[in-house]
Amino acid sequence: MIYICSQGDTWDSIAYKAYGDEFLFPQIMESNRQYADYVLFDGGEKINIPDRVYVENTLISTPWQTGNTIKIIKPPW
């Protein structure tokens, strides 16, 4: 899928719009290495959004984070 950026889009905001999860941005970055140094996108930039997302999620909680969890994502590369 091709995504056309809006002014001010970031990698995580694009991932949220595309997948509903901002933590999946590394997979979008991997498909768009030519934009790797971008932090904010200009409106109209076209980037590739991978159709299939490979994710391994693990939720962990440590003693000092009682009640909190951390989401760990293992990218496909």
N, C-alpha and C. Protein backbone atom coordinates (compact mmCIF):
# COMPACT_ATOMS: atom_id res chain seq x y z
N MET A 1 0.86 -1.17 0.00
CA MET A 1 0.00 0.00 0.00
C MET A 1 0.90 1.23 0.00
N ILE A 2 0.50 2.24 -0.71
CA ILE A 2 1.22 3.51 -0.72
C ILE A 2 0.45 4.47 0.20
N TYR A 3 1.19 5.10 1.10
CA TYR A 3 0.62 6.08 2.02
C TYR A 3 1.14 7.45 1.61
N ILE A 4 0.26 8.42 1.49
CA ILE A 4 0.65 9.79 1.18
C ILE A 4 0.65 10.56 2.49
N CYS A 5 1.83 11.04 2.85
CA CYS A 5 2.01 11.71 4.15
C CYS A 5 1.28 13.04 4.21
N SER A 6 0.83 13.35 5.40
CA SER A 6 0.30 14.67 5.72
C SER A 6 1.43 15.48 6.35
N GLN A 7 1.36 16.78 6.24
CA GLN A 7 2.37 17.65 6.84
C GLN A 7 2.50 17.33 8.32
N GLY A 8 3.72 17.04 8.78
CA GLY A 8 3.98 16.79 10.18
C GLY A 8 3.87 15.33 10.61
N ASP A 9 3.56 14.43 9.66
CA ASP A 9 3.53 13.00 10.02
C ASP A 9 4.88 12.56 10.54
N THR A 10 4.87 11.63 11.48
CA THR A 10 6.09 11.00 12.00
C THR A 10 5.95 9.50 11.75
N TRP A 11 7.06 8.78 11.92
CA TRP A 11 7.03 7.33 11.70
C TRP A 11 5.97 6.66 12.57
N ASP A 12 5.93 7.03 13.82
CA ASP A 12 4.97 6.38 14.71
C ASP A 12 3.52 6.79 14.41
N SER A 13 3.31 8.03 13.99
CA SER A 13 1.93 8.43 13.65
C SER A 13 1.46 7.72 12.38
N ILE A 14 2.37 7.49 11.44
CA ILE A 14 2.01 6.75 10.22
C ILE A 14 1.68 5.30 10.58
N ALA A 15 2.48 4.69 11.45
CA ALA A 15 2.22 3.31 11.86
C ALA A 15 0.86 3.21 12.56
N TYR A 16 0.54 4.20 13.37
CA TYR A 16 -0.75 4.19 14.05
C TYR A 16 -1.89 4.29 13.05
N LYS A 17 -1.74 5.18 12.07
CA LYS A 17 -2.79 5.35 11.05
C LYS A 17 -2.93 4.10 10.19
N ALA A 18 -1.81 3.46 9.87
CA ALA A 18 -1.84 2.31 8.97
C ALA A 18 -2.24 1.01 9.66
N TYR A 19 -1.72 0.79 10.88
CA TYR A 19 -1.91 -0.48 11.56
C TYR A 19 -2.68 -0.39 12.87
N GLY A 20 -2.88 0.84 13.37
CA GLY A 20 -3.53 0.99 14.67
C GLY A 20 -2.58 0.75 15.82
N ASP A 21 -1.27 0.76 15.55
CA ASP A 21 -0.26 0.50 16.59
C ASP A 21 1.01 1.27 16.24
N GLU A 22 1.31 2.29 17.01
CA GLU A 22 2.48 3.14 16.72
C GLU A 22 3.80 2.42 16.91
N PHE A 23 3.80 1.31 17.62
CA PHE A 23 5.04 0.57 17.86
C PHE A 23 5.49 -0.26 16.65
N LEU A 24 4.70 -0.26 15.59
CA LEU A 24 5.07 -1.01 14.38
C LEU A 24 5.84 -0.17 13.38
N PHE A 25 6.26 1.03 13.78
CA PHE A 25 6.97 1.90 12.85
C PHE A 25 8.28 1.32 12.30
N PRO A 26 9.02 0.45 13.02
CA PRO A 26 10.27 -0.06 12.44
C PRO A 26 10.06 -0.82 11.13
N GLN A 27 8.93 -1.50 10.98
CA GLN A 27 8.68 -2.23 9.75
C GLN A 27 8.40 -1.29 8.58
N ILE A 28 7.78 -0.16 8.86
CA ILE A 28 7.55 0.82 7.81
C ILE A 28 8.87 1.47 7.44
N MET A 29 9.70 1.78 8.44
CA MET A 29 11.02 2.37 8.16
C MET A 29 11.87 1.43 7.31
N GLU A 30 11.82 0.14 7.61
CA GLU A 30 12.60 -0.84 6.87
C GLU A 30 12.21 -0.85 5.39
N SER A 31 10.95 -0.63 5.10
CA SER A 31 10.47 -0.61 3.71
C SER A 31 10.74 0.71 3.02
N ASN A 32 11.22 1.69 3.76
CA ASN A 32 11.44 3.03 3.21
C ASN A 32 12.78 3.60 3.67
N ARG A 33 13.83 2.85 3.44
CA ARG A 33 15.16 3.25 3.92
C ARG A 33 15.62 4.60 3.36
N GLN A 34 15.11 4.99 2.21
CA GLN A 34 15.50 6.27 1.62
C GLN A 34 15.05 7.45 2.47
N TYR A 35 14.12 7.22 3.38
CA TYR A 35 13.63 8.27 4.29
C TYR A 35 14.11 8.06 5.72
N ALA A 36 15.09 7.24 5.92
CA ALA A 36 15.53 6.87 7.28
C ALA A 36 15.93 8.06 8.14
N ASP A 37 16.40 9.13 7.52
CA ASP A 37 16.82 10.29 8.31
C ASP A 37 15.69 11.29 8.56
N TYR A 38 14.49 10.98 8.11
CA TYR A 38 13.34 11.87 8.32
C TYR A 38 12.80 11.70 9.73
N VAL A 39 12.43 12.80 10.33
CA VAL A 39 11.73 12.79 11.61
C VAL A 39 10.29 13.24 11.38
N LEU A 40 10.15 14.34 10.66
CA LEU A 40 8.84 14.86 10.26
C LEU A 40 8.75 14.83 8.74
N PHE A 41 7.61 14.42 8.24
CA PHE A 41 7.41 14.37 6.80
C PHE A 41 6.70 15.61 6.31
N ASP A 42 7.03 16.01 5.09
CA ASP A 42 6.29 17.06 4.40
C ASP A 42 5.02 16.43 3.83
N GLY A 43 4.02 17.22 3.63
CA GLY A 43 2.80 16.72 3.01
C GLY A 43 3.08 16.28 1.58
N GLY A 44 2.50 15.17 1.19
CA GLY A 44 2.64 14.69 -0.18
C GLY A 44 3.70 13.64 -0.40
N GLU A 45 4.58 13.41 0.58
CA GLU A 45 5.60 12.35 0.44
C GLU A 45 4.88 11.01 0.35
N LYS A 46 5.34 10.14 -0.56
CA LYS A 46 4.73 8.81 -0.71
C LYS A 46 5.67 7.76 -0.13
N ILE A 47 5.13 6.98 0.79
CA ILE A 47 5.93 5.90 1.37
C ILE A 47 5.18 4.58 1.24
N ASN A 48 5.95 3.51 1.24
CA ASN A 48 5.39 2.17 1.12
C ASN A 48 5.03 1.64 2.51
N ILE A 49 3.82 1.12 2.63
CA ILE A 49 3.37 0.48 3.86
C ILE A 49 3.29 -1.02 3.56
N PRO A 50 4.10 -1.84 4.23
CA PRO A 50 4.05 -3.29 3.98
C PRO A 50 2.66 -3.85 4.27
N ASP A 51 2.21 -4.76 3.40
CA ASP A 51 0.90 -5.38 3.61
C ASP A 51 0.89 -6.34 4.79
N ARG A 52 1.99 -7.04 4.96
CA ARG A 52 2.06 -8.03 6.02
C ARG A 52 3.04 -7.57 7.09
N VAL A 53 2.63 -7.65 8.32
CA VAL A 53 3.45 -7.20 9.44
C VAL A 53 3.83 -8.41 10.28
N TYR A 54 5.12 -8.58 10.51
CA TYR A 54 5.61 -9.66 11.36
C TYR A 54 5.95 -9.08 12.71
N VAL A 55 5.23 -9.52 13.71
CA VAL A 55 5.42 -8.96 15.05
C VAL A 55 5.40 -10.09 16.07
N GLU A 56 6.30 -9.97 17.01
CA GLU A 56 6.26 -10.86 18.17
C GLU A 56 6.15 -9.96 19.38
N ASN A 57 5.03 -9.98 20.03
CA ASN A 57 4.81 -9.13 21.19
C ASN A 57 4.99 -9.92 22.47
N THR A 58 5.67 -9.32 23.40
CA THR A 58 5.82 -9.91 24.72
C THR A 58 5.54 -8.83 25.74
N LEU A 59 4.68 -9.12 26.66
CA LEU A 59 4.40 -8.16 27.72
C LEU A 59 5.13 -8.62 28.97
N ILE A 60 5.88 -7.71 29.55
CA ILE A 60 6.62 -8.04 30.76
C ILE A 60 6.30 -7.01 31.83
N SER A 61 6.46 -7.40 33.04
CA SER A 61 6.29 -6.49 34.15
C SER A 61 7.42 -6.78 35.15
N THR A 62 8.03 -5.74 35.63
CA THR A 62 9.12 -5.88 36.59
C THR A 62 8.63 -5.45 37.96
N PRO A 63 9.32 -5.86 39.01
CA PRO A 63 8.87 -5.53 40.38
C PRO A 63 8.72 -4.03 40.63
N TRP A 64 9.56 -3.23 39.99
CA TRP A 64 9.49 -1.78 40.23
C TRP A 64 8.45 -1.12 39.33
N GLN A 65 7.77 -1.86 38.49
CA GLN A 65 6.74 -1.32 37.62
C GLN A 65 5.42 -2.03 37.87
N THR A 66 5.08 -2.21 39.08
CA THR A 66 3.85 -2.92 39.43
C THR A 66 2.66 -2.27 38.72
N GLY A 67 1.94 -3.10 38.00
CA GLY A 67 0.77 -2.61 37.28
C GLY A 67 1.07 -2.06 35.90
N ASN A 68 2.35 -1.86 35.58
CA ASN A 68 2.72 -1.35 34.26
C ASN A 68 3.27 -2.48 33.40
N THR A 69 3.14 -2.37 32.13
CA THR A 69 3.72 -3.35 31.22
C THR A 69 4.53 -2.63 30.15
N ILE A 70 5.46 -3.34 29.57
CA ILE A 70 6.29 -2.83 28.49
C ILE A 70 6.03 -3.70 27.28
N LYS A 71 5.82 -3.10 26.15
CA LYS A 71 5.57 -3.85 24.93
C LYS A 71 6.90 -3.97 24.17
N ILE A 72 7.32 -5.18 23.91
CA ILE A 72 8.57 -5.44 23.20
C ILE A 72 8.23 -6.00 21.83
N ILE A 73 8.80 -5.43 20.79
CA ILE A 73 8.54 -5.88 19.44
C ILE A 73 9.83 -6.38 18.83
N LYS A 74 9.78 -7.57 18.26
CA LYS A 74 10.93 -8.14 17.56
C LYS A 74 10.71 -7.92 16.07
N PRO A 75 11.46 -7.01 15.44
CA PRO A 75 11.28 -6.77 14.01
C PRO A 75 11.70 -7.98 13.17
N PRO A 76 11.22 -8.05 11.93
CA PRO A 76 11.51 -9.20 11.09
C PRO A 76 12.93 -9.27 10.57
N TRP A 77 13.72 -8.23 10.71
CA TRP A 77 15.07 -8.25 10.16
C TRP A 77 16.10 -8.59 11.19
